N, C-alpha and C. Protein backbone atom coordinates (compact mmCIF):
# COMPACT_ATOMS: atom_id res chain seq x y z
N MET A 1 -5.93 5.40 6.68
CA MET A 1 -5.63 5.99 8.02
C MET A 1 -5.05 4.64 8.62
N ALA A 2 -3.74 4.94 9.31
CA ALA A 2 -3.27 3.87 10.18
C ALA A 2 -3.92 3.73 11.54
N LEU A 3 -4.00 2.52 11.92
CA LEU A 3 -4.47 2.18 13.36
C LEU A 3 -3.45 2.72 14.23
N ALA A 4 -4.21 3.35 15.33
CA ALA A 4 -3.57 4.00 16.32
C ALA A 4 -3.25 2.95 17.44
N PRO A 5 -2.05 3.03 18.04
CA PRO A 5 -1.78 2.13 19.27
C PRO A 5 -2.39 2.82 20.48
N GLU A 6 -2.35 2.12 21.56
CA GLU A 6 -2.88 2.80 22.80
C GLU A 6 -1.74 3.69 23.56
N ASP A 7 -2.12 4.56 24.03
CA ASP A 7 -1.30 5.55 24.63
C ASP A 7 -0.61 4.80 25.95
N HIS A 8 0.88 4.83 25.98
CA HIS A 8 1.44 4.08 27.10
C HIS A 8 1.95 5.08 27.84
N ARG A 9 1.13 5.33 29.29
CA ARG A 9 1.65 6.35 30.28
C ARG A 9 1.82 5.66 31.81
N PRO A 10 2.83 5.85 32.22
CA PRO A 10 3.15 5.31 33.47
C PRO A 10 2.22 5.89 34.74
N THR A 11 1.83 4.89 35.43
CA THR A 11 0.83 5.20 36.68
C THR A 11 1.89 5.52 37.73
N ASP A 12 1.26 6.04 38.99
CA ASP A 12 2.39 6.38 40.00
C ASP A 12 3.06 4.98 40.47
N ASP A 13 2.59 3.96 40.51
CA ASP A 13 3.25 2.69 40.82
C ASP A 13 4.33 2.22 40.04
N GLY A 14 4.20 2.90 38.72
CA GLY A 14 5.31 2.31 37.69
C GLY A 14 4.70 1.58 36.72
N ARG A 15 3.59 1.03 36.78
CA ARG A 15 2.92 0.27 35.80
C ARG A 15 2.43 1.40 34.59
N ARG A 16 2.43 0.70 33.53
CA ARG A 16 1.90 1.32 32.27
C ARG A 16 0.37 1.25 32.11
N THR A 17 -0.48 2.22 31.90
CA THR A 17 -1.77 2.07 31.49
C THR A 17 -1.79 2.40 29.97
N ARG A 18 -2.90 2.18 29.43
CA ARG A 18 -3.09 2.30 27.99
C ARG A 18 -4.45 3.02 27.92
N ARG A 19 -4.61 4.07 26.92
CA ARG A 19 -5.62 4.64 26.61
C ARG A 19 -5.71 5.05 25.10
N PRO A 20 -6.67 5.10 24.30
CA PRO A 20 -6.83 5.38 22.95
C PRO A 20 -5.92 6.88 22.60
N LEU A 21 -5.09 6.69 21.72
CA LEU A 21 -4.51 7.96 21.12
C LEU A 21 -5.32 8.57 20.09
N ASN A 22 -5.36 9.78 20.10
CA ASN A 22 -6.22 10.45 19.16
C ASN A 22 -5.67 10.15 17.86
N LEU A 23 -6.85 9.83 16.94
CA LEU A 23 -6.34 9.01 15.57
C LEU A 23 -5.64 10.06 14.64
N GLU A 24 -6.11 11.29 14.98
CA GLU A 24 -5.72 12.45 13.96
C GLU A 24 -4.14 12.76 14.20
N ARG A 25 -3.88 12.69 15.60
CA ARG A 25 -2.37 12.97 15.88
C ARG A 25 -1.64 11.84 15.56
N TRP A 26 -2.19 10.67 15.74
CA TRP A 26 -1.47 9.35 15.43
C TRP A 26 -1.10 9.59 13.97
N ASP A 27 -2.02 9.81 13.06
CA ASP A 27 -1.84 9.93 11.65
C ASP A 27 -0.70 10.89 11.27
N GLU A 28 -0.42 12.10 12.04
CA GLU A 28 0.54 12.91 11.92
C GLU A 28 1.94 12.51 12.31
N ILE A 29 2.10 11.47 13.36
CA ILE A 29 3.11 11.04 13.66
C ILE A 29 3.56 9.91 12.55
N VAL A 30 2.64 9.06 12.13
CA VAL A 30 2.65 7.97 11.09
C VAL A 30 3.28 8.74 9.73
N ASP A 31 2.78 9.78 9.48
CA ASP A 31 3.29 10.48 8.23
C ASP A 31 4.48 11.13 8.27
N ALA A 32 4.78 11.70 9.40
CA ALA A 32 6.18 12.07 9.69
C ALA A 32 7.19 10.96 9.61
N ALA A 33 6.81 9.75 10.15
CA ALA A 33 7.78 8.55 10.29
C ALA A 33 8.04 8.09 8.87
N GLY A 34 6.85 8.05 7.91
CA GLY A 34 6.91 7.88 6.66
C GLY A 34 7.70 8.88 5.79
N GLU A 35 7.70 10.11 6.02
CA GLU A 35 8.66 11.03 5.38
C GLU A 35 10.06 10.80 5.71
N VAL A 36 10.36 10.52 6.80
CA VAL A 36 11.79 10.34 7.43
C VAL A 36 12.41 9.11 6.89
N PHE A 37 11.38 8.16 6.85
CA PHE A 37 11.99 6.78 6.42
C PHE A 37 12.25 6.79 5.03
N ASP A 38 11.40 7.45 4.17
CA ASP A 38 11.67 7.57 2.76
C ASP A 38 12.91 8.37 2.41
N LYS A 39 13.02 9.40 3.35
CA LYS A 39 14.30 10.15 2.94
C LYS A 39 15.34 9.62 3.43
N LYS A 40 15.50 9.15 4.64
CA LYS A 40 16.89 8.65 5.16
C LYS A 40 16.85 7.25 5.06
N GLY A 41 15.97 6.36 5.15
CA GLY A 41 16.01 4.93 5.03
C GLY A 41 15.65 4.66 6.55
N TYR A 42 15.04 3.41 6.79
CA TYR A 42 14.79 3.08 8.13
C TYR A 42 15.84 2.95 9.07
N ALA A 43 17.08 2.47 8.54
CA ALA A 43 17.92 2.07 9.47
C ALA A 43 18.65 3.60 9.95
N ALA A 44 18.82 4.34 9.07
CA ALA A 44 19.36 5.58 9.59
C ALA A 44 18.28 6.67 10.16
N ALA A 45 17.17 6.61 10.08
CA ALA A 45 15.96 7.53 10.70
C ALA A 45 16.06 7.39 12.23
N ARG A 46 15.95 8.56 12.75
CA ARG A 46 16.16 8.43 14.22
C ARG A 46 14.60 8.94 14.87
N ILE A 47 14.46 8.55 15.95
CA ILE A 47 13.22 8.86 16.53
C ILE A 47 13.09 10.35 16.94
N GLU A 48 14.27 11.09 17.27
CA GLU A 48 14.04 12.65 17.72
C GLU A 48 13.90 13.36 16.02
N ASP A 49 14.12 12.80 15.10
CA ASP A 49 13.88 13.51 13.63
C ASP A 49 12.39 13.33 13.52
N ILE A 50 11.79 12.17 13.72
CA ILE A 50 10.24 11.97 13.50
C ILE A 50 9.43 12.79 14.60
N ALA A 51 10.04 12.90 15.99
CA ALA A 51 9.39 13.72 16.97
C ALA A 51 9.25 15.12 16.37
N ALA A 52 10.51 15.69 16.10
CA ALA A 52 10.53 17.15 15.73
C ALA A 52 9.77 17.38 14.59
N ARG A 53 9.35 16.51 13.84
CA ARG A 53 8.31 16.99 12.76
C ARG A 53 6.97 17.22 13.45
N VAL A 54 6.59 16.83 14.41
CA VAL A 54 5.33 16.88 14.98
C VAL A 54 5.44 17.52 16.18
N GLY A 55 6.28 18.25 16.57
CA GLY A 55 6.36 19.05 17.62
C GLY A 55 6.58 18.30 18.86
N LEU A 56 7.09 17.27 19.13
CA LEU A 56 7.29 16.46 20.17
C LEU A 56 8.65 16.17 20.61
N LEU A 57 9.13 16.12 21.87
CA LEU A 57 10.32 15.52 22.13
C LEU A 57 10.40 14.08 22.27
N LYS A 58 11.72 13.67 21.85
CA LYS A 58 11.74 12.25 21.69
C LYS A 58 11.25 11.38 22.80
N GLY A 59 11.23 11.87 24.19
CA GLY A 59 10.73 10.97 25.36
C GLY A 59 9.09 11.03 25.16
N SER A 60 8.68 12.17 24.52
CA SER A 60 7.22 12.32 24.52
C SER A 60 6.63 11.27 23.44
N LEU A 61 7.28 11.04 22.30
CA LEU A 61 7.01 10.14 21.14
C LEU A 61 6.92 8.78 21.97
N TYR A 62 7.71 8.41 22.72
CA TYR A 62 7.75 6.90 23.30
C TYR A 62 6.69 6.86 24.36
N TYR A 63 5.74 7.82 24.61
CA TYR A 63 4.57 7.53 25.13
C TYR A 63 3.68 6.82 24.43
N TYR A 64 3.82 6.92 23.12
CA TYR A 64 2.94 6.19 22.09
C TYR A 64 3.24 4.84 21.36
N ILE A 65 4.90 4.78 21.40
CA ILE A 65 5.37 3.56 20.58
C ILE A 65 6.49 2.95 21.83
N ASP A 66 6.70 1.71 21.46
CA ASP A 66 7.68 1.14 22.27
C ASP A 66 9.11 1.06 21.53
N SER A 67 9.14 1.23 20.16
CA SER A 67 10.15 1.31 19.43
C SER A 67 9.88 1.84 18.03
N LYS A 68 11.17 2.07 17.31
CA LYS A 68 10.77 2.71 15.81
C LYS A 68 10.08 1.76 15.02
N GLU A 69 10.16 0.38 15.37
CA GLU A 69 9.66 -0.66 14.62
C GLU A 69 7.91 -0.47 14.55
N ASP A 70 7.68 0.11 15.75
CA ASP A 70 6.10 0.24 15.71
C ASP A 70 5.49 1.15 14.62
N LEU A 71 6.35 2.13 14.37
CA LEU A 71 6.02 2.98 13.47
C LEU A 71 6.01 2.63 11.90
N LEU A 72 7.26 1.69 11.68
CA LEU A 72 7.20 1.04 10.59
C LEU A 72 6.09 0.05 10.23
N PHE A 73 5.75 -0.58 11.33
CA PHE A 73 4.69 -1.67 11.10
C PHE A 73 3.21 -0.68 10.95
N ALA A 74 3.13 0.38 11.46
CA ALA A 74 1.88 0.94 11.18
C ALA A 74 1.80 1.47 9.67
N ILE A 75 3.05 1.93 9.02
CA ILE A 75 3.26 2.15 7.74
C ILE A 75 3.03 0.89 6.85
N VAL A 76 3.68 -0.03 6.92
CA VAL A 76 3.61 -1.18 6.34
C VAL A 76 2.21 -1.92 6.40
N ASP A 77 1.88 -1.97 7.61
CA ASP A 77 0.47 -2.63 7.80
C ASP A 77 -0.70 -1.76 7.22
N GLY A 78 -0.48 -0.45 7.48
CA GLY A 78 -1.73 0.48 7.01
C GLY A 78 -1.64 0.38 5.36
N ASN A 79 -0.35 0.34 4.75
CA ASN A 79 -0.33 0.19 3.57
C ASN A 79 -0.96 -0.92 2.79
N HIS A 80 -0.76 -2.12 3.59
CA HIS A 80 -1.56 -3.41 3.02
C HIS A 80 -3.05 -3.27 3.41
N SER A 81 -3.35 -2.52 4.41
CA SER A 81 -4.87 -2.63 4.64
C SER A 81 -5.55 -1.79 3.63
N ARG A 82 -4.80 -0.64 3.00
CA ARG A 82 -5.39 0.12 2.10
C ARG A 82 -5.60 -0.91 0.84
N GLY A 83 -4.58 -1.74 0.62
CA GLY A 83 -4.76 -2.66 -0.46
C GLY A 83 -5.95 -3.44 -0.52
N LEU A 84 -6.08 -3.97 0.84
CA LEU A 84 -7.25 -4.88 0.78
C LEU A 84 -8.69 -3.95 0.46
N ALA A 85 -8.55 -2.83 0.90
CA ALA A 85 -9.70 -2.01 0.64
C ALA A 85 -9.98 -1.85 -1.12
N VAL A 86 -8.67 -1.78 -1.64
CA VAL A 86 -8.88 -1.68 -3.11
C VAL A 86 -9.46 -3.22 -3.70
N ILE A 87 -9.27 -3.95 -3.18
CA ILE A 87 -9.84 -5.32 -3.77
C ILE A 87 -11.13 -5.64 -3.29
N ASP A 88 -11.88 -4.73 -2.81
CA ASP A 88 -13.23 -4.71 -2.31
C ASP A 88 -13.94 -4.29 -3.69
N GLU A 89 -14.25 -4.93 -4.72
CA GLU A 89 -14.85 -4.26 -5.84
C GLU A 89 -16.38 -3.86 -5.72
N PRO A 90 -16.73 -2.82 -6.47
CA PRO A 90 -18.05 -2.49 -6.42
C PRO A 90 -18.95 -3.70 -7.10
N PRO A 91 -20.30 -3.90 -6.54
CA PRO A 91 -21.04 -5.01 -7.07
C PRO A 91 -21.03 -5.10 -8.48
N GLU A 92 -21.11 -3.97 -9.30
CA GLU A 92 -21.49 -4.03 -10.65
C GLU A 92 -20.10 -4.61 -11.33
N LEU A 93 -18.96 -4.69 -10.52
CA LEU A 93 -17.91 -5.07 -11.34
C LEU A 93 -17.44 -6.52 -11.11
N THR A 94 -18.26 -7.16 -10.22
CA THR A 94 -17.83 -8.57 -9.71
C THR A 94 -18.00 -9.47 -11.20
N THR A 95 -19.02 -9.35 -11.78
CA THR A 95 -19.50 -10.15 -12.91
C THR A 95 -18.89 -9.50 -14.27
N ALA A 96 -18.23 -8.60 -14.21
CA ALA A 96 -17.67 -8.01 -15.48
C ALA A 96 -16.70 -8.90 -16.03
N ALA A 97 -16.13 -8.64 -17.25
CA ALA A 97 -15.31 -9.26 -17.96
C ALA A 97 -13.69 -9.05 -17.43
N PRO A 98 -12.96 -10.15 -17.15
CA PRO A 98 -11.62 -10.09 -16.46
C PRO A 98 -10.86 -8.79 -16.90
N PRO A 99 -10.84 -8.44 -18.30
CA PRO A 99 -9.99 -7.09 -18.69
C PRO A 99 -10.58 -5.85 -17.84
N ILE A 100 -11.79 -5.87 -17.99
CA ILE A 100 -12.72 -4.67 -17.07
C ILE A 100 -12.10 -4.82 -15.69
N ARG A 101 -12.49 -5.83 -15.11
CA ARG A 101 -12.17 -6.03 -13.67
C ARG A 101 -10.49 -5.60 -13.27
N LEU A 102 -9.70 -6.19 -14.18
CA LEU A 102 -7.96 -5.91 -13.94
C LEU A 102 -7.96 -4.49 -14.07
N GLY A 103 -8.42 -3.81 -15.31
CA GLY A 103 -8.22 -2.35 -15.54
C GLY A 103 -8.75 -1.48 -14.46
N ALA A 104 -9.85 -1.99 -13.77
CA ALA A 104 -10.43 -1.23 -12.78
C ALA A 104 -9.43 -1.18 -11.36
N PHE A 105 -9.06 -2.25 -11.28
CA PHE A 105 -8.07 -2.65 -10.27
C PHE A 105 -6.86 -1.60 -10.37
N VAL A 106 -6.28 -1.67 -11.60
CA VAL A 106 -5.18 -0.73 -11.89
C VAL A 106 -5.56 0.73 -11.59
N ASN A 107 -6.69 1.12 -11.91
CA ASN A 107 -7.09 2.50 -11.34
C ASN A 107 -7.16 2.72 -10.04
N ARG A 108 -7.75 1.77 -9.26
CA ARG A 108 -7.97 1.93 -8.04
C ARG A 108 -6.56 1.96 -7.10
N TRP A 109 -5.71 0.93 -7.56
CA TRP A 109 -4.39 0.94 -7.08
C TRP A 109 -3.64 2.10 -7.19
N ILE A 110 -3.75 2.80 -8.42
CA ILE A 110 -2.94 4.00 -8.61
C ILE A 110 -3.43 5.08 -7.76
N GLY A 111 -4.76 5.01 -7.47
CA GLY A 111 -5.53 5.95 -6.44
C GLY A 111 -4.66 5.89 -5.06
N ILE A 112 -4.51 4.67 -4.44
CA ILE A 112 -3.94 4.77 -3.10
C ILE A 112 -2.43 4.94 -3.23
N VAL A 113 -1.72 4.80 -4.42
CA VAL A 113 -0.40 5.16 -4.57
C VAL A 113 -0.15 6.69 -4.45
N SER A 114 -1.25 7.32 -5.10
CA SER A 114 -1.26 8.77 -5.53
C SER A 114 -1.50 9.47 -3.97
N ALA A 115 -2.32 8.73 -3.03
CA ALA A 115 -2.69 9.15 -1.95
C ALA A 115 -1.71 9.18 -0.83
N VAL A 116 -0.66 8.28 -1.01
CA VAL A 116 0.37 8.02 0.04
C VAL A 116 1.85 7.90 -0.61
N PRO A 117 1.94 8.82 -1.50
CA PRO A 117 3.40 8.63 -1.99
C PRO A 117 4.61 8.32 -1.26
N GLY A 118 5.47 7.21 -1.64
CA GLY A 118 6.43 6.88 -0.70
C GLY A 118 6.23 5.73 0.09
N TYR A 119 4.90 5.48 0.39
CA TYR A 119 4.66 4.44 1.11
C TYR A 119 4.81 2.78 0.62
N ALA A 120 4.62 2.95 -0.64
CA ALA A 120 4.75 1.59 -1.32
C ALA A 120 6.10 1.29 -1.33
N ALA A 121 7.00 2.13 -1.44
CA ALA A 121 8.57 1.74 -1.72
C ALA A 121 8.83 1.51 -0.17
N ILE A 122 8.43 1.97 0.98
CA ILE A 122 8.99 1.73 2.31
C ILE A 122 8.47 0.33 2.60
N ALA A 123 7.14 -0.12 2.14
CA ALA A 123 6.83 -1.24 2.42
C ALA A 123 7.35 -2.28 1.80
N GLU A 124 7.95 -2.21 0.48
CA GLU A 124 8.78 -3.08 -0.07
C GLU A 124 10.08 -3.10 0.50
N ARG A 125 10.53 -2.03 0.53
CA ARG A 125 11.99 -2.09 1.09
C ARG A 125 12.25 -2.44 2.42
N ASP A 126 11.39 -2.16 3.47
CA ASP A 126 11.77 -2.45 4.69
C ASP A 126 10.99 -3.39 5.43
N LEU A 127 9.85 -4.12 4.66
CA LEU A 127 9.30 -5.06 5.36
C LEU A 127 10.05 -6.08 6.17
N ARG A 128 11.23 -6.61 5.72
CA ARG A 128 11.91 -7.61 6.28
C ARG A 128 12.51 -7.10 7.72
N ARG A 129 12.35 -5.97 7.85
CA ARG A 129 12.96 -5.34 9.07
C ARG A 129 11.89 -5.50 10.40
N LEU A 130 10.57 -5.91 10.03
CA LEU A 130 9.65 -6.10 11.07
C LEU A 130 9.99 -7.39 11.65
N SER A 131 9.36 -7.58 12.93
CA SER A 131 9.40 -8.97 13.57
C SER A 131 8.77 -10.02 12.74
N PRO A 132 9.11 -11.49 13.06
CA PRO A 132 8.39 -12.38 12.24
C PRO A 132 6.93 -12.48 12.51
N GLU A 133 6.57 -12.16 13.82
CA GLU A 133 5.19 -11.96 13.81
C GLU A 133 4.32 -10.87 13.11
N ARG A 134 4.99 -9.84 13.01
CA ARG A 134 4.33 -8.75 12.32
C ARG A 134 4.62 -9.01 10.66
N GLN A 135 5.71 -9.56 10.36
CA GLN A 135 5.64 -9.85 8.85
C GLN A 135 4.52 -10.96 8.61
N GLY A 136 4.19 -11.67 9.49
CA GLY A 136 3.23 -12.87 9.13
C GLY A 136 1.86 -12.02 9.08
N ILE A 137 1.55 -11.02 9.67
CA ILE A 137 0.40 -10.28 9.78
C ILE A 137 0.37 -9.71 8.28
N VAL A 138 1.33 -8.91 7.73
CA VAL A 138 1.47 -8.17 6.63
C VAL A 138 1.22 -9.32 5.41
N MET A 139 2.03 -10.20 5.37
CA MET A 139 2.28 -11.29 4.34
C MET A 139 0.72 -11.78 4.25
N GLY A 140 0.09 -12.06 5.40
CA GLY A 140 -1.40 -12.72 5.22
C GLY A 140 -2.14 -11.64 4.33
N LYS A 141 -1.94 -10.29 4.53
CA LYS A 141 -2.73 -9.32 3.82
C LYS A 141 -2.35 -9.45 2.28
N ARG A 142 -1.01 -9.51 2.34
CA ARG A 142 -0.50 -9.49 0.71
C ARG A 142 -0.79 -10.78 0.21
N ALA A 143 -1.05 -11.71 0.70
CA ALA A 143 -1.47 -12.97 -0.09
C ALA A 143 -2.90 -12.74 -0.52
N ARG A 144 -3.71 -12.16 0.38
CA ARG A 144 -5.17 -12.03 -0.23
C ARG A 144 -5.14 -11.04 -1.45
N ILE A 145 -4.20 -10.01 -1.20
CA ILE A 145 -4.33 -8.89 -2.33
C ILE A 145 -3.73 -9.69 -3.74
N HIS A 146 -2.71 -10.32 -3.54
CA HIS A 146 -2.07 -11.03 -4.72
C HIS A 146 -3.05 -12.21 -5.31
N ARG A 147 -3.81 -12.92 -4.35
CA ARG A 147 -4.62 -13.64 -4.89
C ARG A 147 -5.92 -13.29 -5.67
N PHE A 148 -6.31 -11.98 -5.24
CA PHE A 148 -7.25 -11.49 -6.08
C PHE A 148 -6.94 -11.10 -7.54
N VAL A 149 -5.66 -10.68 -7.76
CA VAL A 149 -5.21 -10.21 -8.97
C VAL A 149 -4.91 -11.64 -9.68
N ARG A 150 -4.60 -12.52 -9.09
CA ARG A 150 -3.90 -13.82 -9.81
C ARG A 150 -5.25 -14.39 -10.30
N THR A 151 -6.36 -14.35 -9.39
CA THR A 151 -7.71 -14.94 -9.82
C THR A 151 -8.32 -14.32 -11.17
N ILE A 152 -8.18 -12.94 -11.25
CA ILE A 152 -8.69 -12.47 -12.52
C ILE A 152 -7.97 -12.72 -13.53
N ILE A 153 -6.61 -12.89 -13.38
CA ILE A 153 -5.71 -13.20 -14.64
C ILE A 153 -6.07 -14.83 -15.04
N GLU A 154 -6.16 -15.70 -14.07
CA GLU A 154 -6.83 -17.03 -14.21
C GLU A 154 -8.05 -17.12 -14.95
N ASP A 155 -8.91 -16.23 -14.54
CA ASP A 155 -10.27 -16.15 -15.19
C ASP A 155 -10.18 -15.76 -16.68
N GLY A 156 -9.27 -14.61 -16.76
CA GLY A 156 -9.15 -14.15 -18.19
C GLY A 156 -8.37 -15.12 -19.21
N ILE A 157 -7.42 -15.79 -18.78
CA ILE A 157 -6.92 -16.94 -19.64
C ILE A 157 -7.76 -17.98 -19.93
N ALA A 158 -8.72 -18.58 -18.90
CA ALA A 158 -9.51 -19.68 -18.95
C ALA A 158 -10.78 -19.11 -20.01
N GLY A 159 -10.96 -17.91 -19.97
CA GLY A 159 -12.24 -17.33 -20.69
C GLY A 159 -11.81 -16.81 -22.20
N GLY A 160 -10.41 -16.86 -22.53
CA GLY A 160 -9.99 -16.38 -23.89
C GLY A 160 -9.78 -15.05 -23.79
N PHE A 161 -9.73 -14.27 -22.72
CA PHE A 161 -9.57 -12.82 -22.82
C PHE A 161 -8.24 -12.34 -22.86
N PHE A 162 -7.17 -13.26 -22.18
CA PHE A 162 -5.99 -13.11 -22.26
C PHE A 162 -5.13 -14.28 -22.85
N VAL A 163 -3.84 -13.98 -23.22
CA VAL A 163 -3.28 -15.14 -23.80
C VAL A 163 -2.87 -16.18 -23.02
N HIS A 164 -2.91 -17.56 -23.87
CA HIS A 164 -2.48 -18.72 -23.06
C HIS A 164 -0.99 -18.69 -22.93
N GLY A 165 -0.51 -19.29 -21.97
CA GLY A 165 0.80 -19.62 -21.87
C GLY A 165 1.67 -18.95 -20.82
N ILE A 166 0.94 -17.95 -20.25
CA ILE A 166 1.37 -17.11 -19.23
C ILE A 166 1.20 -17.88 -17.80
N GLU A 167 2.01 -17.52 -16.76
CA GLU A 167 1.82 -18.11 -15.65
C GLU A 167 1.32 -17.13 -14.79
N PRO A 168 0.05 -17.40 -14.16
CA PRO A 168 -1.00 -16.32 -13.42
C PRO A 168 -0.17 -15.65 -12.22
N GLY A 169 0.41 -16.56 -11.52
CA GLY A 169 1.07 -15.84 -10.16
C GLY A 169 2.22 -14.83 -10.64
N LEU A 170 3.18 -15.42 -11.52
CA LEU A 170 4.21 -14.58 -11.91
C LEU A 170 3.80 -13.13 -12.59
N THR A 171 2.65 -13.53 -13.26
CA THR A 171 2.09 -12.36 -14.10
C THR A 171 1.52 -11.37 -12.92
N ALA A 172 1.09 -11.53 -11.98
CA ALA A 172 0.52 -10.87 -11.07
C ALA A 172 1.48 -10.03 -10.18
N ASN A 173 2.57 -10.67 -9.87
CA ASN A 173 3.63 -10.28 -9.50
C ASN A 173 4.30 -9.15 -10.38
N ASN A 174 4.31 -9.31 -11.94
CA ASN A 174 4.72 -8.55 -12.69
C ASN A 174 4.06 -6.99 -12.46
N VAL A 175 2.65 -7.15 -12.46
CA VAL A 175 1.71 -6.39 -12.46
C VAL A 175 2.04 -5.31 -11.12
N PHE A 176 2.31 -5.96 -9.92
CA PHE A 176 2.30 -5.39 -8.72
C PHE A 176 3.75 -4.42 -8.83
N ASP A 177 4.81 -5.13 -9.59
CA ASP A 177 5.97 -4.61 -9.65
C ASP A 177 5.95 -3.10 -10.32
N LEU A 178 5.07 -3.27 -11.44
CA LEU A 178 4.97 -2.18 -12.45
C LEU A 178 4.30 -1.02 -11.59
N LEU A 179 2.98 -1.18 -10.99
CA LEU A 179 2.23 -0.42 -10.15
C LEU A 179 3.06 0.30 -9.10
N ASN A 180 3.57 -0.41 -8.22
CA ASN A 180 4.28 0.05 -6.96
C ASN A 180 5.61 0.71 -7.28
N GLY A 181 6.23 0.39 -8.53
CA GLY A 181 7.43 0.92 -8.93
C GLY A 181 7.35 2.42 -9.16
N ILE A 182 5.99 2.88 -9.47
CA ILE A 182 6.03 4.44 -9.91
C ILE A 182 6.35 5.35 -8.83
N SER A 183 6.04 4.99 -7.52
CA SER A 183 6.50 5.65 -6.63
C SER A 183 7.92 6.24 -6.43
N ALA A 184 8.85 5.35 -7.19
CA ALA A 184 10.36 5.71 -7.20
C ALA A 184 10.79 6.69 -8.16
N TRP A 185 9.88 6.87 -9.10
CA TRP A 185 10.20 7.90 -10.28
C TRP A 185 9.16 8.81 -10.64
N PHE A 186 7.84 8.66 -10.50
CA PHE A 186 6.92 9.31 -10.93
C PHE A 186 6.58 10.77 -10.19
N ARG A 187 6.46 11.72 -10.87
CA ARG A 187 6.21 13.21 -10.30
C ARG A 187 5.05 13.55 -11.13
N PRO A 188 3.70 13.71 -10.58
CA PRO A 188 2.62 14.07 -11.05
C PRO A 188 2.92 15.44 -11.89
N GLY A 189 2.33 15.29 -13.09
CA GLY A 189 2.38 16.61 -13.96
C GLY A 189 3.52 16.71 -14.89
N HIS A 190 4.54 15.71 -14.84
CA HIS A 190 5.69 15.59 -15.54
C HIS A 190 5.96 14.24 -16.30
N PRO A 191 5.15 14.01 -17.57
CA PRO A 191 4.12 15.01 -18.07
C PRO A 191 2.72 14.67 -17.64
N LEU A 192 2.43 13.48 -17.03
CA LEU A 192 1.22 13.05 -16.70
C LEU A 192 0.59 13.44 -15.45
N SER A 193 -0.66 13.45 -15.18
CA SER A 193 -1.25 13.48 -14.01
C SER A 193 -1.36 12.04 -13.42
N TYR A 194 -1.76 11.80 -12.18
CA TYR A 194 -2.12 10.43 -11.70
C TYR A 194 -3.24 9.69 -12.65
N ASP A 195 -4.09 10.34 -12.86
CA ASP A 195 -5.16 9.78 -13.70
C ASP A 195 -4.85 9.32 -15.15
N GLU A 196 -3.94 10.35 -15.58
CA GLU A 196 -3.51 9.89 -16.89
C GLU A 196 -2.62 8.62 -16.86
N LEU A 197 -1.71 8.74 -15.70
CA LEU A 197 -0.92 7.65 -15.60
C LEU A 197 -1.46 6.26 -15.46
N ALA A 198 -2.76 6.54 -14.62
CA ALA A 198 -3.42 5.17 -14.48
C ALA A 198 -4.01 4.51 -15.69
N GLU A 199 -4.51 5.48 -16.64
CA GLU A 199 -4.97 5.20 -17.97
C GLU A 199 -3.88 4.48 -18.96
N HIS A 200 -2.61 5.10 -18.84
CA HIS A 200 -1.70 4.54 -19.57
C HIS A 200 -1.37 3.14 -19.11
N LEU A 201 -1.24 3.06 -17.65
CA LEU A 201 -0.89 1.69 -17.22
C LEU A 201 -2.01 0.62 -17.36
N ARG A 202 -3.11 1.27 -17.28
CA ARG A 202 -4.18 0.26 -17.56
C ARG A 202 -4.13 -0.35 -18.91
N ARG A 203 -3.87 0.45 -20.11
CA ARG A 203 -3.75 0.04 -21.41
C ARG A 203 -2.30 -0.74 -21.42
N LEU A 204 -1.35 -0.50 -20.73
CA LEU A 204 -0.21 -1.17 -20.88
C LEU A 204 -0.34 -2.68 -20.22
N VAL A 205 -0.92 -2.57 -19.13
CA VAL A 205 -1.30 -4.26 -18.63
C VAL A 205 -2.06 -5.08 -19.57
N LEU A 206 -3.15 -4.34 -20.01
CA LEU A 206 -4.12 -5.21 -20.81
C LEU A 206 -3.64 -5.59 -22.05
N ARG A 207 -2.82 -4.76 -22.99
CA ARG A 207 -2.06 -5.05 -23.93
C ARG A 207 -1.06 -6.08 -23.76
N GLY A 208 -0.41 -6.08 -22.62
CA GLY A 208 0.71 -7.01 -22.21
C GLY A 208 0.10 -8.63 -22.07
N LEU A 209 -1.40 -8.62 -21.68
CA LEU A 209 -1.97 -9.77 -21.51
C LEU A 209 -2.75 -10.19 -22.77
N GLY A 210 -2.46 -9.52 -23.80
CA GLY A 210 -3.19 -9.79 -24.95
C GLY A 210 -4.71 -9.18 -25.25
N ALA A 211 -5.07 -8.39 -24.48
CA ALA A 211 -6.52 -7.99 -24.48
C ALA A 211 -6.34 -6.45 -25.19
N ASP A 212 -7.42 -6.18 -25.89
CA ASP A 212 -7.19 -4.65 -26.48
C ASP A 212 -7.93 -3.85 -25.57
N PRO A 213 -7.20 -2.91 -24.96
CA PRO A 213 -8.00 -1.89 -23.88
C PRO A 213 -8.98 -1.21 -24.69
N ASP A 214 -9.13 -0.83 -25.93
CA ASP A 214 -10.23 -0.30 -26.47
C ASP A 214 -11.43 -1.04 -26.42
N ALA A 215 -11.40 -2.34 -26.32
CA ALA A 215 -12.64 -3.20 -26.46
C ALA A 215 -13.21 -3.34 -25.22
N TYR A 216 -12.42 -2.84 -24.01
CA TYR A 216 -12.77 -2.93 -22.70
C TYR A 216 -12.78 -1.80 -21.82
N PRO A 217 -13.79 -0.58 -21.95
CA PRO A 217 -13.59 0.47 -21.47
C PRO A 217 -13.43 0.51 -19.83
N ALA A 218 -12.45 1.63 -19.65
CA ALA A 218 -12.13 1.78 -18.04
C ALA A 218 -13.28 2.05 -17.29
N ALA A 219 -13.52 1.55 -16.13
CA ALA A 219 -14.42 1.69 -15.05
C ALA A 219 -13.99 2.62 -14.18
N LEU A 220 -14.84 3.42 -13.55
CA LEU A 220 -14.37 4.41 -12.78
C LEU A 220 -13.82 3.87 -11.35
N PRO A 221 -12.94 4.51 -10.83
CA PRO A 221 -12.29 3.92 -9.62
C PRO A 221 -13.27 3.76 -8.54
């Protein structure tokens, strides 16, 4: 769920007051923006296209946002907030072997990709269109997510679970490229479901790092 901004409504003296926007309504607006950005691209997307999808006039939508960038930030930042939730491991996994932890991460990550298809592509493609301040917020979250995966890989190399000679940071980037890239081509049921795809990718990632996926059973997401 995206964080809702405060409602910008002008007062009689021309000042703007703020009051909370209904979160359910805000989610509808952000989802509509995500669909339009995914289909048309951020640059070509129009506020009126987004407003029409949720039954609002263009001017009414501006009660809730100052610019189209506000909606992009809600999508990109929300996507990374979901990523932070993914690196919050269940207690029983924190001491598990690195291949089990990394495999469980793959399963959880595919879970958020399947829940919000298209958002990962928008986050990667249009991040640089955000203001420097907003980019900084997002990149701070991204660094924490990347560090989580990199640390698991480092631990796996040090413990002899993964092959030596690979660079952990670059390898973590490769893992994210693989997982996030599915939003550009994968369609559930042709021929795999998301659960089947997650298992396929878990096995692929572990084998690529030199670990036998059969020796480290998949943990539930």
